[in-house]
C-alpha atoms as a PDB file:
ATOM      1  CA  UNK A   1       4.397 -14.330  -6.141  1.00  0.00           C
ATOM      2  CA  UNK A   2       3.827 -10.697  -6.968  1.00  0.00           C
ATOM      3  CA  UNK A   3       0.793  -9.586  -4.985  1.00  0.00           C
ATOM      4  CA  UNK A   4       0.078  -6.704  -7.343  1.00  0.00           C
ATOM      5  CA  UNK A   5      -0.515  -9.152 -10.185  1.00  0.00           C
ATOM      6  CA  UNK A   6      -2.999 -11.064  -8.030  1.00  0.00           C
ATOM      7  CA  UNK A   7      -5.183  -7.944  -7.760  1.00  0.00           C
ATOM      8  CA  UNK A   8      -5.913  -8.120 -11.477  1.00  0.00           C
ATOM      9  CA  UNK A   9      -7.509 -11.551 -10.985  1.00  0.00           C
ATOM     10  CA  UNK A  10     -10.163 -10.224  -8.596  1.00  0.00           C
ATOM     11  CA  UNK A  11     -13.536  -9.655 -10.194  1.00  0.00           C
ATOM     12  CA  UNK A  12     -15.979 -11.510  -7.957  1.00  0.00           C
ATOM     13  CA  UNK A  13     -16.641 -12.515  -4.354  1.00  0.00           C
ATOM     14  CA  UNK A  14     -14.749 -15.815  -4.466  1.00  0.00           C
ATOM     15  CA  UNK A  15     -11.684 -14.263  -6.074  1.00  0.00           C
ATOM     16  CA  UNK A  16     -11.744 -11.454  -3.522  1.00  0.00           C
ATOM     17  CA  UNK A  17     -11.893 -13.963  -0.671  1.00  0.00           C
ATOM     18  CA  UNK A  18      -9.012 -15.881  -2.231  1.00  0.00           C
ATOM     19  CA  UNK A  19      -6.999 -12.665  -2.568  1.00  0.00           C
ATOM     20  CA  UNK A  20      -7.500 -11.890   1.129  1.00  0.00           C
ATOM     21  CA  UNK A  21      -6.181 -15.387   1.884  1.00  0.00           C
ATOM     22  CA  UNK A  22      -3.143 -14.684  -0.292  1.00  0.00           C
ATOM     23  CA  UNK A  23      -2.532 -11.484   1.691  1.00  0.00           C
ATOM     24  CA  UNK A  24      -2.782 -13.370   4.990  1.00  0.00           C
ATOM     25  CA  UNK A  25      -0.335 -16.013   3.798  1.00  0.00           C
ATOM     26  CA  UNK A  26       2.053 -13.384   2.465  1.00  0.00           C
ATOM     27  CA  UNK A  27       2.014 -11.568   5.798  1.00  0.00           C
ATOM     28  CA  UNK A  28       2.755 -14.815   7.644  1.00  0.00           C
ATOM     29  CA  UNK A  29       5.527 -15.800   5.236  1.00  0.00           C
ATOM     30  CA  UNK A  30       7.059 -12.385   4.568  1.00  0.00           C
ATOM     31  CA  UNK A  31       6.293 -10.018   7.468  1.00  0.00           C
ATOM     32  CA  UNK A  32       9.457  -8.038   6.738  1.00  0.00           C
ATOM     33  CA  UNK A  33       8.039  -7.053   3.341  1.00  0.00           C
ATOM     34  CA  UNK A  34       5.071  -5.334   4.974  1.00  0.00           C
ATOM     35  CA  UNK A  35       5.297  -1.653   5.825  1.00  0.00           C
ATOM     36  CA  UNK A  36       2.277  -1.933   8.134  1.00  0.00           C
ATOM     37  CA  UNK A  37       2.741  -4.843  10.548  1.00  0.00           C
ATOM     38  CA  UNK A  38       0.053  -4.006  13.084  1.00  0.00           C
ATOM     39  CA  UNK A  39      -3.645  -3.247  12.701  1.00  0.00           C
ATOM     40  CA  UNK A  40      -3.302   0.450  13.558  1.00  0.00           C
ATOM     41  CA  UNK A  41      -0.629   1.043  10.920  1.00  0.00           C
ATOM     42  CA  UNK A  42      -2.523  -1.102   8.407  1.00  0.00           C
ATOM     43  CA  UNK A  43      -5.736   0.894   8.826  1.00  0.00           C
ATOM     44  CA  UNK A  44      -3.871   4.220   8.766  1.00  0.00           C
ATOM     45  CA  UNK A  45      -2.164   3.132   5.539  1.00  0.00           C
ATOM     46  CA  UNK A  46      -5.529   2.367   3.963  1.00  0.00           C
ATOM     47  CA  UNK A  47      -6.940   5.707   5.154  1.00  0.00           C
ATOM     48  CA  UNK A  48      -3.987   7.635   3.709  1.00  0.00           C
ATOM     49  CA  UNK A  49      -4.179   5.772   0.414  1.00  0.00           C
ATOM     50  CA  UNK A  50      -7.921   6.436   0.069  1.00  0.00           C
ATOM     51  CA  UNK A  51      -7.291  10.141   0.653  1.00  0.00           C
ATOM     52  CA  UNK A  52      -4.681  10.141  -2.140  1.00  0.00           C
ATOM     53  CA  UNK A  53      -6.108   7.447  -4.420  1.00  0.00           C
ATOM     54  CA  UNK A  54      -6.877   9.710  -7.371  1.00  0.00           C
ATOM     55  CA  UNK A  55      -3.190  10.568  -7.623  1.00  0.00           C
ATOM     56  CA  UNK A  56      -2.249   6.885  -7.562  1.00  0.00           C
ATOM     57  CA  UNK A  57      -4.532   6.133 -10.496  1.00  0.00           C
ATOM     58  CA  UNK A  58      -3.474   9.229 -12.432  1.00  0.00           C
ATOM     59  CA  UNK A  59       0.256   8.524 -11.875  1.00  0.00           C
ATOM     60  CA  UNK A  60      -0.192   4.950 -13.092  1.00  0.00           C
ATOM     61  CA  UNK A  61      -2.318   5.936 -16.101  1.00  0.00           C
ATOM     62  CA  UNK A  62      -5.265   3.970 -14.764  1.00  0.00           C
ATOM     63  CA  UNK A  63      -8.903   5.013 -14.805  1.00  0.00           C
ATOM     64  CA  UNK A  64     -10.137   6.343 -11.468  1.00  0.00           C
ATOM     65  CA  UNK A  65     -12.787   3.922 -10.185  1.00  0.00           C
ATOM     66  CA  UNK A  66     -16.334   5.175 -10.288  1.00  0.00           C
ATOM     67  CA  UNK A  67     -19.396   4.020  -8.350  1.00  0.00           C
ATOM     68  CA  UNK A  68     -17.420   2.676  -5.395  1.00  0.00           C
ATOM     69  CA  UNK A  69     -19.737   1.303  -2.736  1.00  0.00           C
ATOM     70  CA  UNK A  70     -18.163   3.113   0.228  1.00  0.00           C
ATOM     71  CA  UNK A  71     -20.861   1.880   2.594  1.00  0.00           C
ATOM     72  CA  UNK A  72     -20.051  -1.741   1.759  1.00  0.00           C
ATOM     73  CA  UNK A  73     -16.353  -1.086   2.357  1.00  0.00           C
ATOM     74  CA  UNK A  74     -17.166   0.472   5.727  1.00  0.00           C
ATOM     75  CA  UNK A  75     -19.146  -2.662   6.634  1.00  0.00           C
ATOM     76  CA  UNK A  76     -16.286  -4.863   5.447  1.00  0.00           C
ATOM     77  CA  UNK A  77     -13.770  -3.221   7.759  1.00  0.00           C
ATOM     78  CA  UNK A  78     -16.240  -3.029  10.642  1.00  0.00           C
ATOM     79  CA  UNK A  79     -17.016  -6.740  10.610  1.00  0.00           C
ATOM     80  CA  UNK A  80     -13.295  -7.474  10.658  1.00  0.00           C
ATOM     81  CA  UNK A  81     -13.450  -6.220  14.238  1.00  0.00           C
ATOM     82  CA  UNK A  82     -16.254  -8.607  15.212  1.00  0.00           C
ATOM     83  CA  UNK A  83     -16.422 -11.675  13.023  1.00  0.00           C
ATOM     84  CA  UNK A  84     -14.294 -14.706  13.761  1.00  0.00           C
END
């Protein structure tokens, strides 16, 4: 399975939840394919990508997302610390 292709399927809450499950399973099955194998590296990778995201979209001829709910994303990562 090519994870990048799975991203295109995500357009609602249920599909997002399913995609996170796919990521979890991929990490369990293919840990060697992951650059960031611990939570610190994973979060630092996300931080770096967010800082450079406009370049990613421009280099891939994709529209830069608008109206991103940054507060929701902050909540999403925060609850990952607490929720079981």
